[in-house]
Structures are given as structure tokens and as C-alpha cells.
Amino acid sequence: MREYRRRYAEKHGRALERQFAEARTDGRHRRRALLKGAHVESVRISDLVARDGWSCGICGDLIDDSLEWPHLMSKTVDHIVPIARGGAHSLANCQLAHLTCNSRKQHVVIEEVDHAGSSSESAGSPS
């Protein structure tokens, strides 16, 4: 199958290969969300780009479309409220993010990270 895909990509270009990769990624997210009992709809990177552009939803920097996984700055789908915390796999709950940013975030909601940072700074300051 790998050889077939390689020959097909050489003959037809990488556009279809990217489309299939996007569908596989969406399928993995959908399965995880279904196992958690969350709301599920189709979310593809192309949908997120059309809505938000090429900016990372976590750090705000631009994402280079030419970088492919597993490059640390490649594009990924980030769930704002993670599936592990009961978030849905829906367009409203997803954003585009760098692989590095998404990996560092893990299963945390961004507001919790900001809140934890501000509370630790205020706890350590003398009053």
C-alpha cells in the first residue's frame, strides 16, 4: 500500500495525499470524542484555515503551510476544551495550532494556564 501511495503521489501530486491525511486525522479525533461521549462533527484543517487563517490559536504566530508533520512547527488541530476534559470535536471547539504549542498545552484549558500563572505570581509577592 505504501508503494502504491508513493507512486500515486508522484503521478498526481501531493494534493490528494494531504486530503487523505486530513481525513485520517479527523477520523482519529472523531473516534476519541465518540469514546468519551462528546459531540462529534467533521473538522478539517482546511475548515480551520478558512475560518481563522494561518495563525496559531495558542501562541498567535503564523503557521507555515509547507511544513509537514512531524516538524515541530507544523499545523495541528487543537481542541480548546480538550476531548480528555469532555470537549467536543466540533468546529466551535477547535483551532489551528503549531505541533509544539499543542503538545505543550496537552489536556489543559488555556484559561487555567493563565490563571495558574497569575495566582502563583501573586502568591509569591510580598504584601
C-alpha atoms as a PDB file:
ATOM      1  CA  MET A   1       0.000   0.000   0.000  1.00  0.00           C
ATOM      2  CA  ARG A   2       2.862   2.409   0.792  1.00  0.00           C
ATOM      3  CA  GLU A   3       4.395   1.787  -2.613  1.00  0.00           C
ATOM      4  CA  TYR A   4       1.033   2.415  -4.283  1.00  0.00           C
ATOM      5  CA  ARG A   5       0.632   5.703  -2.385  1.00  0.00           C
ATOM      6  CA  ARG A   6       4.176   6.774  -3.278  1.00  0.00           C
ATOM      7  CA  ARG A   7       3.638   6.101  -6.993  1.00  0.00           C
ATOM      8  CA  TYR A   8       0.227   7.787  -6.907  1.00  0.00           C
ATOM      9  CA  ALA A   9       1.695  10.879  -5.238  1.00  0.00           C
ATOM     10  CA  GLU A  10       4.466  11.052  -7.825  1.00  0.00           C
ATOM     11  CA  LYS A  11       1.949  10.826 -10.647  1.00  0.00           C
ATOM     12  CA  HIS A  12      -0.817  13.093  -9.269  1.00  0.00           C
ATOM     13  CA  GLY A  13       0.997  15.415  -6.875  1.00  0.00           C
ATOM     14  CA  ARG A  14       0.612  15.732  -3.130  1.00  0.00           C
ATOM     15  CA  ALA A  15      -2.801  17.453  -3.013  1.00  0.00           C
ATOM     16  CA  LEU A  16      -4.773  14.208  -2.718  1.00  0.00           C
ATOM     17  CA  GLU A  17      -2.248  12.761  -0.282  1.00  0.00           C
ATOM     18  CA  ARG A  18      -2.799  15.773   2.001  1.00  0.00           C
ATOM     19  CA  GLN A  19      -6.550  15.390   1.683  1.00  0.00           C
ATOM     20  CA  PHE A  20      -6.343  11.735   2.763  1.00  0.00           C
ATOM     21  CA  ALA A  21      -4.042  12.624   5.672  1.00  0.00           C
ATOM     22  CA  GLU A  22      -6.517  15.282   6.797  1.00  0.00           C
ATOM     23  CA  ALA A  23      -9.364  12.742   6.698  1.00  0.00           C
ATOM     24  CA  ARG A  24      -7.322  10.220   8.737  1.00  0.00           C
ATOM     25  CA  THR A  25      -6.555  12.861  11.369  1.00  0.00           C
ATOM     26  CA  ASP A  26     -10.213  13.874  11.558  1.00  0.00           C
ATOM     27  CA  GLY A  27     -11.195  10.206  11.941  1.00  0.00           C
ATOM     28  CA  ARG A  28      -8.825   9.703  14.880  1.00  0.00           C
ATOM     29  CA  HIS A  29     -10.212  12.764  16.675  1.00  0.00           C
ATOM     30  CA  ARG A  30     -13.787  11.651  15.966  1.00  0.00           C
ATOM     31  CA  ARG A  31     -13.155   8.181  17.441  1.00  0.00           C
ATOM     32  CA  ARG A  32     -11.602   9.619  20.602  1.00  0.00           C
ATOM     33  CA  ALA A  33     -14.536  12.012  21.079  1.00  0.00           C
ATOM     34  CA  LEU A  34     -17.116   9.270  20.487  1.00  0.00           C
ATOM     35  CA  LEU A  35     -15.450   7.073  23.112  1.00  0.00           C
ATOM     36  CA  LYS A  36     -15.758   9.960  25.590  1.00  0.00           C
ATOM     37  CA  GLY A  37     -19.417  10.504  24.656  1.00  0.00           C
ATOM     38  CA  ALA A  38     -18.745  14.003  23.301  1.00  0.00           C
ATOM     39  CA  HIS A  39     -20.458  15.805  20.429  1.00  0.00           C
ATOM     40  CA  VAL A  40     -18.749  14.965  17.131  1.00  0.00           C
ATOM     41  CA  GLU A  41     -18.702  16.673  13.749  1.00  0.00           C
ATOM     42  CA  SER A  42     -16.230  16.744  10.893  1.00  0.00           C
ATOM     43  CA  VAL A  43     -13.380  19.221  11.470  1.00  0.00           C
ATOM     44  CA  ARG A  44     -10.586  19.551   8.944  1.00  0.00           C
ATOM     45  CA  ILE A  45      -7.574  21.794   8.901  1.00  0.00           C
ATOM     46  CA  SER A  46      -8.856  23.399   5.701  1.00  0.00           C
ATOM     47  CA  ASP A  47     -12.053  24.394   7.584  1.00  0.00           C
ATOM     48  CA  LEU A  48      -9.999  25.996  10.361  1.00  0.00           C
ATOM     49  CA  VAL A  49      -7.787  27.859   7.867  1.00  0.00           C
ATOM     50  CA  ALA A  50     -10.865  29.187   6.069  1.00  0.00           C
ATOM     51  CA  ARG A  51     -12.273  30.437   9.382  1.00  0.00           C
ATOM     52  CA  ASP A  52      -9.159  31.694  11.211  1.00  0.00           C
ATOM     53  CA  GLY A  53      -6.345  31.974   8.657  1.00  0.00           C
ATOM     54  CA  TRP A  54      -2.873  30.536   9.267  1.00  0.00           C
ATOM     55  CA  SER A  55      -2.382  31.879  12.790  1.00  0.00           C
ATOM     56  CA  CYS A  56      -1.712  29.585  15.779  1.00  0.00           C
ATOM     57  CA  GLY A  57      -4.599  29.764  18.236  1.00  0.00           C
ATOM     58  CA  ILE A  58      -2.238  29.278  21.182  1.00  0.00           C
ATOM     59  CA  CYS A  59       0.814  31.498  20.540  1.00  0.00           C
ATOM     60  CA  GLY A  60      -0.601  33.732  17.782  1.00  0.00           C
ATOM     61  CA  ASP A  61       2.353  33.286  15.386  1.00  0.00           C
ATOM     62  CA  LEU A  62       1.835  32.331  11.746  1.00  0.00           C
ATOM     63  CA  ILE A  63       1.926  28.662  10.738  1.00  0.00           C
ATOM     64  CA  ASP A  64       3.921  27.666   7.649  1.00  0.00           C
ATOM     65  CA  ASP A  65       1.714  25.507   5.406  1.00  0.00           C
ATOM     66  CA  SER A  66       4.733  23.916   3.729  1.00  0.00           C
ATOM     67  CA  LEU A  67       5.897  22.222   6.962  1.00  0.00           C
ATOM     68  CA  GLU A  68       4.710  18.643   7.309  1.00  0.00           C
ATOM     69  CA  TRP A  69       4.243  16.534  10.422  1.00  0.00           C
ATOM     70  CA  PRO A  70       6.428  15.693  12.452  1.00  0.00           C
ATOM     71  CA  HIS A  71       8.098  19.117  12.086  1.00  0.00           C
ATOM     72  CA  LEU A  72       7.684  20.917  15.415  1.00  0.00           C
ATOM     73  CA  MET A  73       6.143  23.993  13.786  1.00  0.00           C
ATOM     74  CA  SER A  74       3.735  22.076  11.508  1.00  0.00           C
ATOM     75  CA  LYS A  75      -0.027  22.534  11.698  1.00  0.00           C
ATOM     76  CA  THR A  76      -2.299  20.550  14.023  1.00  0.00           C
ATOM     77  CA  VAL A  77      -5.900  20.663  15.200  1.00  0.00           C
ATOM     78  CA  ASP A  78      -6.100  21.865  18.806  1.00  0.00           C
ATOM     79  CA  HIS A  79      -9.215  21.306  20.894  1.00  0.00           C
ATOM     80  CA  ILE A  80      -9.814  24.421  23.013  1.00  0.00           C
ATOM     81  CA  VAL A  81     -11.533  22.318  25.673  1.00  0.00           C
ATOM     82  CA  PRO A  82      -9.638  19.039  25.265  1.00  0.00           C
ATOM     83  CA  ILE A  83     -11.502  15.841  24.439  1.00  0.00           C
ATOM     84  CA  ALA A  84      -9.956  14.333  27.586  1.00  0.00           C
ATOM     85  CA  ARG A  85     -11.736  17.041  29.619  1.00  0.00           C
ATOM     86  CA  GLY A  86     -15.115  16.495  27.931  1.00  0.00           C
ATOM     87  CA  GLY A  87     -14.737  18.898  24.992  1.00  0.00           C
ATOM     88  CA  ALA A  88     -16.489  18.289  21.697  1.00  0.00           C
ATOM     89  CA  HIS A  89     -14.825  17.558  18.381  1.00  0.00           C
ATOM     90  CA  SER A  90     -16.569  20.442  16.641  1.00  0.00           C
ATOM     91  CA  LEU A  91     -15.570  23.460  14.618  1.00  0.00           C
ATOM     92  CA  ALA A  92     -16.557  25.723  17.520  1.00  0.00           C
ATOM     93  CA  ASN A  93     -14.160  23.886  19.890  1.00  0.00           C
ATOM     94  CA  CYS A  94     -11.176  23.591  17.520  1.00  0.00           C
ATOM     95  CA  GLN A  95      -8.417  25.910  16.411  1.00  0.00           C
ATOM     96  CA  LEU A  96      -5.254  25.639  14.346  1.00  0.00           C
ATOM     97  CA  ALA A  97      -2.008  25.346  16.339  1.00  0.00           C
ATOM     98  CA  HIS A  98       1.680  24.536  15.951  1.00  0.00           C
ATOM     99  CA  LEU A  99       2.561  20.962  16.894  1.00  0.00           C
ATOM    100  CA  THR A 100       4.878  22.283  19.629  1.00  0.00           C
ATOM    101  CA  CYS A 101       2.256  24.617  21.101  1.00  0.00           C
ATOM    102  CA  ASN A 102      -0.391  21.889  21.038  1.00  0.00           C
ATOM    103  CA  SER A 103       1.957  19.337  22.628  1.00  0.00           C
ATOM    104  CA  ARG A 104       2.899  21.715  25.437  1.00  0.00           C
ATOM    105  CA  LYS A 105      -0.741  22.562  26.101  1.00  0.00           C
ATOM    106  CA  GLN A 106      -1.651  18.849  26.438  1.00  0.00           C
ATOM    107  CA  HIS A 107      -5.068  18.433  28.101  1.00  0.00           C
ATOM    108  CA  VAL A 108      -5.202  21.824  29.789  1.00  0.00           C
ATOM    109  CA  VAL A 109      -7.653  24.623  29.059  1.00  0.00           C
ATOM    110  CA  ILE A 110      -5.725  27.837  28.271  1.00  0.00           C
ATOM    111  CA  GLU A 111      -7.631  29.906  30.861  1.00  0.00           C
ATOM    112  CA  GLU A 112      -6.405  27.509  33.549  1.00  0.00           C
ATOM    113  CA  VAL A 113      -2.793  28.024  32.470  1.00  0.00           C
ATOM    114  CA  ASP A 114      -3.167  31.819  32.574  1.00  0.00           C
ATOM    115  CA  HIS A 115      -4.982  31.638  35.920  1.00  0.00           C
ATOM    116  CA  ALA A 116      -2.336  29.349  37.427  1.00  0.00           C
ATOM    117  CA  GLY A 117       0.447  31.672  36.255  1.00  0.00           C
ATOM    118  CA  SER A 118      -1.183  34.768  37.727  1.00  0.00           C
ATOM    119  CA  SER A 119      -2.081  33.062  41.014  1.00  0.00           C
ATOM    120  CA  SER A 120       1.475  31.774  41.544  1.00  0.00           C
ATOM    121  CA  GLU A 121       2.897  35.245  40.886  1.00  0.00           C
ATOM    122  CA  SER A 122       0.512  36.872  43.360  1.00  0.00           C
ATOM    123  CA  ALA A 123       1.112  34.154  45.975  1.00  0.00           C
ATOM    124  CA  GLY A 124       4.872  34.730  45.886  1.00  0.00           C
ATOM    125  CA  SER A 125       4.745  38.536  46.088  1.00  0.00           C
ATOM    126  CA  PRO A 126       5.098  40.182  49.479  1.00  0.00           C
ATOM    127  CA  SER A 127       2.137  42.290  50.628  1.00  0.00           C
END
